[in-house]
N, C-alpha and C. Protein backbone atom coordinates (compact mmCIF):
# COMPACT_ATOMS: atom_id res chain seq x y z
N MET A 1 -30.98 -13.07 2.21
CA MET A 1 -30.56 -11.69 2.25
C MET A 1 -30.93 -11.03 0.94
N LYS A 2 -31.66 -9.93 0.98
CA LYS A 2 -32.06 -9.21 -0.21
C LYS A 2 -30.90 -8.36 -0.69
N HIS A 3 -30.59 -8.49 -1.98
CA HIS A 3 -29.52 -7.70 -2.57
C HIS A 3 -30.10 -6.44 -3.16
N PRO A 4 -29.43 -5.30 -3.01
CA PRO A 4 -29.92 -4.07 -3.63
C PRO A 4 -29.81 -4.16 -5.14
N THR A 5 -30.67 -3.41 -5.83
CA THR A 5 -30.54 -3.31 -7.28
C THR A 5 -29.27 -2.53 -7.58
N ASP A 6 -28.84 -2.57 -8.84
CA ASP A 6 -27.65 -1.82 -9.22
C ASP A 6 -27.85 -0.33 -8.98
N LYS A 7 -29.05 0.17 -9.23
CA LYS A 7 -29.33 1.60 -8.98
C LYS A 7 -29.20 1.90 -7.49
N GLU A 8 -29.79 1.04 -6.66
CA GLU A 8 -29.67 1.24 -5.21
C GLU A 8 -28.22 1.16 -4.77
N ALA A 9 -27.47 0.24 -5.36
CA ALA A 9 -26.06 0.10 -5.00
C ALA A 9 -25.30 1.37 -5.33
N GLY A 10 -25.58 1.94 -6.51
CA GLY A 10 -24.91 3.19 -6.88
C GLY A 10 -25.24 4.32 -5.92
N GLU A 11 -26.50 4.39 -5.51
CA GLU A 11 -26.90 5.43 -4.56
C GLU A 11 -26.26 5.22 -3.20
N ARG A 12 -26.04 3.97 -2.82
CA ARG A 12 -25.49 3.67 -1.50
C ARG A 12 -23.98 3.65 -1.48
N ALA A 13 -23.35 3.61 -2.67
CA ALA A 13 -21.90 3.48 -2.71
C ALA A 13 -21.21 4.57 -1.92
N MET A 14 -21.72 5.76 -1.97
CA MET A 14 -21.09 6.85 -1.26
C MET A 14 -21.20 6.66 0.25
N ALA A 15 -22.16 5.88 0.69
CA ALA A 15 -22.41 5.73 2.13
C ALA A 15 -21.70 4.53 2.75
N TRP A 16 -20.98 3.75 1.95
CA TRP A 16 -20.37 2.57 2.54
C TRP A 16 -19.30 2.96 3.53
N SER A 17 -19.01 2.01 4.42
CA SER A 17 -17.93 2.23 5.39
C SER A 17 -17.25 0.91 5.69
N MET A 18 -16.06 1.03 6.25
CA MET A 18 -15.32 -0.15 6.65
C MET A 18 -14.52 0.20 7.89
N SER A 19 -14.23 -0.82 8.66
CA SER A 19 -13.48 -0.65 9.89
C SER A 19 -12.42 -1.73 9.98
N PHE A 20 -11.19 -1.33 10.26
CA PHE A 20 -10.10 -2.27 10.50
C PHE A 20 -9.57 -1.96 11.89
N GLU A 21 -9.83 -2.86 12.83
CA GLU A 21 -9.48 -2.65 14.24
C GLU A 21 -8.48 -3.70 14.70
N TYR A 22 -7.51 -3.26 15.47
CA TYR A 22 -6.48 -4.16 15.98
C TYR A 22 -6.97 -4.88 17.23
N ASP A 23 -6.90 -6.19 17.22
CA ASP A 23 -7.25 -7.05 18.36
C ASP A 23 -5.93 -7.48 18.99
N ALA A 24 -5.54 -6.76 20.06
CA ALA A 24 -4.22 -7.00 20.69
C ALA A 24 -4.13 -8.38 21.31
N GLU A 25 -5.24 -8.89 21.84
CA GLU A 25 -5.22 -10.20 22.49
C GLU A 25 -4.75 -11.28 21.54
N HIS A 26 -5.17 -11.20 20.29
CA HIS A 26 -4.85 -12.23 19.30
C HIS A 26 -3.85 -11.75 18.25
N ASP A 27 -3.40 -10.51 18.36
CA ASP A 27 -2.47 -9.91 17.40
C ASP A 27 -2.98 -10.08 15.98
N VAL A 28 -4.19 -9.61 15.76
CA VAL A 28 -4.84 -9.72 14.46
C VAL A 28 -5.62 -8.44 14.20
N VAL A 29 -5.75 -8.08 12.94
CA VAL A 29 -6.59 -6.96 12.56
C VAL A 29 -7.92 -7.53 12.10
N ALA A 30 -9.01 -7.00 12.66
CA ALA A 30 -10.36 -7.44 12.31
C ALA A 30 -10.99 -6.41 11.37
N ALA A 31 -11.37 -6.86 10.18
CA ALA A 31 -11.97 -5.98 9.18
C ALA A 31 -13.46 -6.26 9.08
N SER A 32 -14.23 -5.18 8.97
CA SER A 32 -15.67 -5.33 8.74
C SER A 32 -16.13 -4.25 7.77
N PHE A 33 -17.24 -4.52 7.10
CA PHE A 33 -17.77 -3.64 6.06
C PHE A 33 -19.24 -3.36 6.33
N THR A 34 -19.68 -2.17 5.94
CA THR A 34 -21.09 -1.80 6.04
C THR A 34 -21.54 -1.24 4.70
N ASP A 35 -22.55 -1.86 4.11
CA ASP A 35 -23.13 -1.39 2.85
C ASP A 35 -22.10 -1.19 1.75
N CYS A 36 -21.13 -2.05 1.68
CA CYS A 36 -20.06 -1.96 0.68
C CYS A 36 -20.46 -2.85 -0.49
N VAL A 37 -21.10 -2.26 -1.48
CA VAL A 37 -21.63 -2.99 -2.63
C VAL A 37 -20.79 -2.64 -3.84
N LEU A 38 -20.15 -3.66 -4.42
CA LEU A 38 -19.28 -3.45 -5.57
C LEU A 38 -20.00 -3.91 -6.83
N VAL A 39 -20.36 -2.93 -7.68
CA VAL A 39 -21.12 -3.21 -8.88
C VAL A 39 -20.26 -3.02 -10.12
N THR A 40 -19.40 -2.00 -10.11
CA THR A 40 -18.58 -1.66 -11.27
C THR A 40 -17.10 -1.78 -10.94
N ASP A 41 -16.27 -1.75 -11.96
CA ASP A 41 -14.83 -1.73 -11.74
C ASP A 41 -14.44 -0.50 -10.91
N GLU A 42 -15.09 0.62 -11.16
CA GLU A 42 -14.79 1.84 -10.39
C GLU A 42 -15.08 1.63 -8.91
N ASP A 43 -16.15 0.89 -8.60
CA ASP A 43 -16.45 0.57 -7.19
C ASP A 43 -15.30 -0.25 -6.59
N VAL A 44 -14.78 -1.20 -7.36
CA VAL A 44 -13.69 -2.05 -6.87
C VAL A 44 -12.44 -1.21 -6.62
N TYR A 45 -12.14 -0.29 -7.53
CA TYR A 45 -10.95 0.55 -7.34
C TYR A 45 -11.11 1.45 -6.12
N ARG A 46 -12.31 1.94 -5.90
CA ARG A 46 -12.56 2.74 -4.69
C ARG A 46 -12.41 1.86 -3.45
N TRP A 47 -12.97 0.64 -3.49
CA TRP A 47 -12.83 -0.30 -2.38
C TRP A 47 -11.36 -0.52 -2.06
N ARG A 48 -10.55 -0.74 -3.12
CA ARG A 48 -9.12 -0.96 -2.89
C ARG A 48 -8.47 0.25 -2.23
N ARG A 49 -8.76 1.45 -2.72
CA ARG A 49 -8.18 2.66 -2.11
C ARG A 49 -8.58 2.77 -0.65
N ASP A 50 -9.85 2.50 -0.36
CA ASP A 50 -10.33 2.58 1.03
C ASP A 50 -9.67 1.53 1.91
N VAL A 51 -9.53 0.31 1.40
CA VAL A 51 -8.90 -0.77 2.16
C VAL A 51 -7.43 -0.44 2.41
N GLU A 52 -6.74 0.03 1.39
CA GLU A 52 -5.33 0.37 1.57
C GLU A 52 -5.15 1.53 2.55
N ALA A 53 -6.10 2.46 2.58
CA ALA A 53 -6.04 3.54 3.57
C ALA A 53 -6.20 2.96 4.99
N GLN A 54 -7.02 1.94 5.13
CA GLN A 54 -7.17 1.29 6.43
C GLN A 54 -5.86 0.59 6.83
N PHE A 55 -5.25 -0.11 5.89
CA PHE A 55 -4.00 -0.81 6.18
C PHE A 55 -2.88 0.16 6.54
N ALA A 56 -2.94 1.37 6.03
CA ALA A 56 -1.89 2.36 6.30
C ALA A 56 -1.78 2.69 7.78
N LYS A 57 -2.81 2.39 8.56
CA LYS A 57 -2.78 2.65 10.01
C LYS A 57 -1.83 1.71 10.74
N PHE A 58 -1.42 0.63 10.09
CA PHE A 58 -0.61 -0.39 10.73
C PHE A 58 0.80 -0.34 10.17
N ASN A 59 1.76 -0.73 10.97
CA ASN A 59 3.16 -0.73 10.53
C ASN A 59 3.49 -2.06 9.89
N GLY A 60 3.35 -2.16 8.60
CA GLY A 60 3.71 -3.39 7.91
C GLY A 60 2.54 -4.34 7.75
N ARG A 61 2.89 -5.55 7.36
CA ARG A 61 1.88 -6.57 7.08
C ARG A 61 1.30 -7.12 8.37
N VAL A 62 0.03 -7.55 8.29
CA VAL A 62 -0.70 -8.03 9.47
C VAL A 62 -1.38 -9.35 9.16
N ASP A 63 -1.83 -10.02 10.20
CA ASP A 63 -2.76 -11.13 10.07
C ASP A 63 -4.15 -10.51 10.08
N LEU A 64 -5.01 -10.95 9.16
CA LEU A 64 -6.30 -10.30 8.95
C LEU A 64 -7.44 -11.28 9.13
N LEU A 65 -8.44 -10.86 9.90
CA LEU A 65 -9.68 -11.60 10.11
C LEU A 65 -10.79 -10.76 9.50
N ILE A 66 -11.48 -11.27 8.48
CA ILE A 66 -12.41 -10.48 7.69
C ILE A 66 -13.84 -10.96 7.88
N ASN A 67 -14.72 -10.06 8.31
CA ASN A 67 -16.15 -10.31 8.35
C ASN A 67 -16.72 -9.85 7.01
N LEU A 68 -17.17 -10.80 6.18
CA LEU A 68 -17.66 -10.47 4.85
C LEU A 68 -19.09 -9.95 4.85
N ASP A 69 -19.79 -10.02 5.98
CA ASP A 69 -21.13 -9.44 6.02
C ASP A 69 -20.99 -7.95 5.74
N GLY A 70 -21.82 -7.42 4.87
CA GLY A 70 -21.74 -6.01 4.53
C GLY A 70 -20.89 -5.73 3.30
N LEU A 71 -20.21 -6.75 2.78
CA LEU A 71 -19.47 -6.62 1.52
C LEU A 71 -20.20 -7.48 0.48
N VAL A 72 -20.68 -6.84 -0.58
CA VAL A 72 -21.41 -7.54 -1.63
C VAL A 72 -20.69 -7.30 -2.95
N VAL A 73 -20.28 -8.39 -3.59
CA VAL A 73 -19.61 -8.30 -4.88
C VAL A 73 -20.58 -8.79 -5.95
N ARG A 74 -20.97 -7.90 -6.86
CA ARG A 74 -21.86 -8.27 -7.96
C ARG A 74 -21.06 -8.88 -9.10
N HIS A 75 -21.75 -9.65 -9.93
CA HIS A 75 -21.07 -10.34 -11.03
C HIS A 75 -20.35 -9.35 -11.95
N THR A 76 -20.87 -8.14 -12.10
CA THR A 76 -20.27 -7.15 -12.98
C THR A 76 -18.92 -6.64 -12.46
N ALA A 77 -18.62 -6.88 -11.19
CA ALA A 77 -17.36 -6.43 -10.60
C ALA A 77 -16.48 -7.60 -10.17
N GLY A 78 -16.96 -8.80 -10.34
CA GLY A 78 -16.28 -9.98 -9.79
C GLY A 78 -14.87 -10.21 -10.28
N ARG A 79 -14.64 -10.11 -11.58
CA ARG A 79 -13.31 -10.39 -12.13
C ARG A 79 -12.29 -9.37 -11.61
N THR A 80 -12.65 -8.10 -11.66
CA THR A 80 -11.74 -7.05 -11.19
C THR A 80 -11.52 -7.19 -9.69
N PHE A 81 -12.56 -7.50 -8.95
CA PHE A 81 -12.43 -7.68 -7.50
C PHE A 81 -11.42 -8.78 -7.19
N GLY A 82 -11.49 -9.89 -7.89
CA GLY A 82 -10.57 -10.99 -7.62
C GLY A 82 -9.12 -10.58 -7.76
N LYS A 83 -8.80 -9.86 -8.81
CA LYS A 83 -7.43 -9.42 -9.05
C LYS A 83 -7.00 -8.41 -7.99
N GLU A 84 -7.83 -7.42 -7.72
CA GLU A 84 -7.49 -6.38 -6.75
C GLU A 84 -7.39 -6.96 -5.34
N ARG A 85 -8.27 -7.88 -5.01
CA ARG A 85 -8.25 -8.52 -3.70
C ARG A 85 -6.92 -9.22 -3.47
N ARG A 86 -6.48 -10.01 -4.46
CA ARG A 86 -5.22 -10.73 -4.33
C ARG A 86 -4.06 -9.75 -4.12
N GLU A 87 -4.00 -8.70 -4.91
CA GLU A 87 -2.90 -7.74 -4.78
C GLU A 87 -2.90 -7.05 -3.42
N VAL A 88 -4.06 -6.65 -2.95
CA VAL A 88 -4.15 -5.98 -1.65
C VAL A 88 -3.70 -6.92 -0.53
N LEU A 89 -4.15 -8.16 -0.58
CA LEU A 89 -3.77 -9.11 0.47
C LEU A 89 -2.29 -9.45 0.42
N GLU A 90 -1.75 -9.62 -0.77
CA GLU A 90 -0.31 -9.91 -0.88
C GLU A 90 0.53 -8.79 -0.30
N ARG A 91 0.12 -7.57 -0.54
CA ARG A 91 0.90 -6.42 -0.11
C ARG A 91 0.77 -6.15 1.39
N ASN A 92 -0.38 -6.46 1.97
CA ASN A 92 -0.67 -5.97 3.32
C ASN A 92 -0.85 -7.03 4.40
N THR A 93 -0.87 -8.31 4.02
CA THR A 93 -1.13 -9.34 5.04
C THR A 93 -0.11 -10.47 4.98
N HIS A 94 0.05 -11.11 6.13
CA HIS A 94 0.79 -12.37 6.18
C HIS A 94 -0.17 -13.51 5.85
N ARG A 95 -1.35 -13.44 6.43
CA ARG A 95 -2.38 -14.44 6.21
C ARG A 95 -3.72 -13.77 6.46
N SER A 96 -4.77 -14.31 5.84
CA SER A 96 -6.12 -13.75 6.04
C SER A 96 -7.12 -14.90 6.13
N TYR A 97 -8.05 -14.71 7.02
CA TYR A 97 -9.13 -15.68 7.24
C TYR A 97 -10.43 -14.90 7.25
N ARG A 98 -11.49 -15.51 6.75
CA ARG A 98 -12.74 -14.78 6.62
C ARG A 98 -13.93 -15.63 7.05
N TYR A 99 -15.03 -14.93 7.29
CA TYR A 99 -16.28 -15.58 7.68
C TYR A 99 -17.43 -14.69 7.24
N GLY A 100 -18.65 -15.26 7.24
CA GLY A 100 -19.84 -14.49 6.86
C GLY A 100 -19.91 -14.27 5.36
N GLY A 101 -20.75 -13.33 4.99
CA GLY A 101 -20.90 -12.96 3.58
C GLY A 101 -22.03 -13.69 2.90
N ASP A 102 -22.50 -13.09 1.81
CA ASP A 102 -23.57 -13.73 1.05
C ASP A 102 -22.99 -14.76 0.08
N ASP A 103 -23.86 -15.57 -0.48
CA ASP A 103 -23.42 -16.67 -1.35
C ASP A 103 -22.63 -16.17 -2.56
N THR A 104 -23.10 -15.11 -3.21
CA THR A 104 -22.44 -14.61 -4.41
C THR A 104 -21.04 -14.11 -4.09
N THR A 105 -20.89 -13.37 -3.03
CA THR A 105 -19.59 -12.85 -2.65
C THR A 105 -18.63 -13.99 -2.32
N ARG A 106 -19.12 -15.00 -1.62
CA ARG A 106 -18.27 -16.15 -1.30
C ARG A 106 -17.83 -16.89 -2.57
N VAL A 107 -18.73 -16.97 -3.57
CA VAL A 107 -18.37 -17.60 -4.84
C VAL A 107 -17.24 -16.82 -5.51
N PHE A 108 -17.33 -15.48 -5.53
CA PHE A 108 -16.27 -14.69 -6.14
C PHE A 108 -14.95 -14.84 -5.39
N ILE A 109 -15.01 -14.94 -4.09
CA ILE A 109 -13.78 -15.12 -3.32
C ILE A 109 -13.18 -16.50 -3.60
N ASN A 110 -14.01 -17.53 -3.65
CA ASN A 110 -13.52 -18.87 -3.98
C ASN A 110 -12.94 -18.92 -5.38
N THR A 111 -13.64 -18.31 -6.33
CA THR A 111 -13.19 -18.31 -7.71
C THR A 111 -11.89 -17.53 -7.86
N SER A 112 -11.83 -16.35 -7.26
CA SER A 112 -10.60 -15.56 -7.40
C SER A 112 -9.45 -16.24 -6.70
N GLY A 113 -9.74 -16.97 -5.64
CA GLY A 113 -8.68 -17.73 -4.98
C GLY A 113 -8.08 -18.76 -5.92
N ALA A 114 -8.93 -19.44 -6.66
CA ALA A 114 -8.45 -20.46 -7.59
C ALA A 114 -7.73 -19.83 -8.78
N ILE A 115 -8.27 -18.76 -9.33
CA ILE A 115 -7.69 -18.14 -10.52
C ILE A 115 -6.39 -17.41 -10.20
N HIS A 116 -6.39 -16.65 -9.10
CA HIS A 116 -5.26 -15.78 -8.79
C HIS A 116 -4.33 -16.33 -7.72
N GLY A 117 -4.63 -17.51 -7.21
CA GLY A 117 -3.76 -18.10 -6.20
C GLY A 117 -3.85 -17.42 -4.85
N ALA A 118 -4.98 -16.80 -4.56
CA ALA A 118 -5.17 -16.14 -3.26
C ALA A 118 -5.85 -17.12 -2.31
N ALA A 119 -5.46 -17.07 -1.05
CA ALA A 119 -6.05 -17.96 -0.05
C ALA A 119 -7.54 -17.66 0.10
N VAL A 120 -8.31 -18.70 0.32
CA VAL A 120 -9.75 -18.52 0.54
C VAL A 120 -10.03 -18.51 2.04
N ASN A 121 -9.67 -19.57 2.75
CA ASN A 121 -9.79 -19.63 4.20
C ASN A 121 -11.11 -19.05 4.72
N HIS A 122 -12.22 -19.58 4.24
CA HIS A 122 -13.54 -19.11 4.69
C HIS A 122 -14.11 -20.08 5.72
N TYR A 123 -14.65 -19.54 6.80
CA TYR A 123 -15.18 -20.34 7.91
C TYR A 123 -16.58 -19.87 8.27
N PRO A 124 -17.36 -20.71 8.94
CA PRO A 124 -18.74 -20.37 9.23
C PRO A 124 -18.92 -19.29 10.30
N SER A 125 -17.89 -19.03 11.10
CA SER A 125 -18.04 -18.04 12.18
C SER A 125 -16.71 -17.35 12.46
N ARG A 126 -16.77 -16.24 13.18
CA ARG A 126 -15.55 -15.54 13.58
C ARG A 126 -14.67 -16.44 14.43
N GLU A 127 -15.31 -17.15 15.34
CA GLU A 127 -14.57 -18.03 16.24
C GLU A 127 -13.81 -19.10 15.46
N ALA A 128 -14.47 -19.71 14.47
CA ALA A 128 -13.82 -20.75 13.67
C ALA A 128 -12.68 -20.18 12.82
N ALA A 129 -12.89 -18.99 12.25
CA ALA A 129 -11.84 -18.36 11.44
C ALA A 129 -10.64 -18.00 12.31
N LEU A 130 -10.90 -17.45 13.49
CA LEU A 130 -9.81 -17.09 14.39
C LEU A 130 -9.06 -18.34 14.85
N ALA A 131 -9.79 -19.40 15.18
CA ALA A 131 -9.15 -20.65 15.61
C ALA A 131 -8.24 -21.20 14.50
N ALA A 132 -8.68 -21.13 13.25
CA ALA A 132 -7.86 -21.61 12.14
C ALA A 132 -6.62 -20.76 11.96
N LEU A 133 -6.75 -19.46 12.09
CA LEU A 133 -5.59 -18.57 11.98
C LEU A 133 -4.58 -18.87 13.08
N LEU A 134 -5.06 -19.02 14.30
CA LEU A 134 -4.16 -19.32 15.42
C LEU A 134 -3.52 -20.70 15.26
N ALA A 135 -4.26 -21.65 14.71
CA ALA A 135 -3.72 -22.99 14.47
C ALA A 135 -2.61 -22.94 13.41
N GLU A 136 -2.78 -22.11 12.39
CA GLU A 136 -1.73 -21.98 11.38
C GLU A 136 -0.47 -21.40 12.00
N ARG A 137 -0.62 -20.38 12.84
CA ARG A 137 0.54 -19.81 13.54
C ARG A 137 1.25 -20.87 14.37
N GLU A 138 0.47 -21.66 15.12
CA GLU A 138 1.05 -22.68 15.99
C GLU A 138 1.76 -23.75 15.16
N SER A 139 1.18 -24.14 14.05
CA SER A 139 1.79 -25.12 13.18
C SER A 139 3.15 -24.62 12.67
N LEU A 140 3.20 -23.37 12.27
CA LEU A 140 4.47 -22.79 11.82
C LEU A 140 5.49 -22.78 12.96
N ARG A 141 5.04 -22.42 14.15
CA ARG A 141 5.94 -22.38 15.31
C ARG A 141 6.51 -23.77 15.60
N GLN A 142 5.66 -24.78 15.54
CA GLN A 142 6.11 -26.15 15.81
C GLN A 142 7.09 -26.66 14.77
N ARG A 143 7.02 -26.13 13.56
CA ARG A 143 7.94 -26.53 12.50
C ARG A 143 9.20 -25.66 12.49
N GLY A 144 9.35 -24.82 13.50
CA GLY A 144 10.56 -24.03 13.62
C GLY A 144 10.50 -22.66 13.00
N PHE A 145 9.36 -22.28 12.46
CA PHE A 145 9.22 -20.95 11.89
C PHE A 145 8.66 -20.02 12.95
N THR A 146 9.15 -18.83 12.99
CA THR A 146 8.56 -17.82 13.86
C THR A 146 7.46 -17.16 13.05
N PRO A 147 6.22 -17.34 13.45
CA PRO A 147 5.13 -16.72 12.69
C PRO A 147 5.33 -15.21 12.62
N PHE A 148 5.02 -14.67 11.48
CA PHE A 148 5.08 -13.23 11.34
C PHE A 148 4.10 -12.60 12.31
N ARG A 149 4.56 -11.62 13.02
CA ARG A 149 3.69 -10.90 13.93
C ARG A 149 3.62 -9.47 13.46
N SER A 150 2.50 -8.85 13.69
CA SER A 150 2.38 -7.46 13.28
C SER A 150 3.32 -6.61 14.12
N SER A 151 3.67 -5.48 13.60
CA SER A 151 4.51 -4.54 14.34
C SER A 151 3.63 -3.45 14.94
N PHE A 152 2.39 -3.77 15.11
CA PHE A 152 1.41 -2.79 15.54
C PHE A 152 1.10 -2.89 17.02
N HIS A 153 1.80 -3.68 17.76
CA HIS A 153 1.51 -3.95 19.15
C HIS A 153 1.26 -2.68 19.97
N GLY A 154 0.15 -2.66 20.65
CA GLY A 154 -0.12 -1.63 21.66
C GLY A 154 -0.66 -0.32 21.15
N ARG A 155 -0.72 -0.10 19.84
CA ARG A 155 -1.27 1.16 19.35
C ARG A 155 -2.77 1.04 19.25
N LYS A 156 -3.44 2.11 19.49
CA LYS A 156 -4.90 2.13 19.42
C LYS A 156 -5.31 2.72 18.09
N THR A 157 -6.31 2.11 17.43
CA THR A 157 -6.78 2.63 16.15
C THR A 157 -7.95 3.54 16.34
């Protein structure tokens, strides 16, 4: 996968988009990104504002399935991204599982997981990530815990 130059990333930053859609069948929010290239700390802060605006559509914390394709974290933004990522996930999710993404972005997610204590839960495909999320819910249920469920049932985004 060819990465844009920092200049190209800056030009494209205004054009990035993200989508957080509720999957009622699995009671999970599916997040995806398009041309979301984080080069500077300011890019990361904008990413956080945009992500939190997406989470505001839901009532409370959710289970999150993240497609990392379309999200590129450059080394110049990696440290700030790790901190902001952890805070956003702690505030808005019960659990998160991810798949896809380029090598560099996956390295930053793995590193920030280790440094900041954020879950990594990266899988090779959407199906594998979803299966792991559902298995965690079932494991909690079998141990007597009622898995947290979103309060977003039945609303359309």
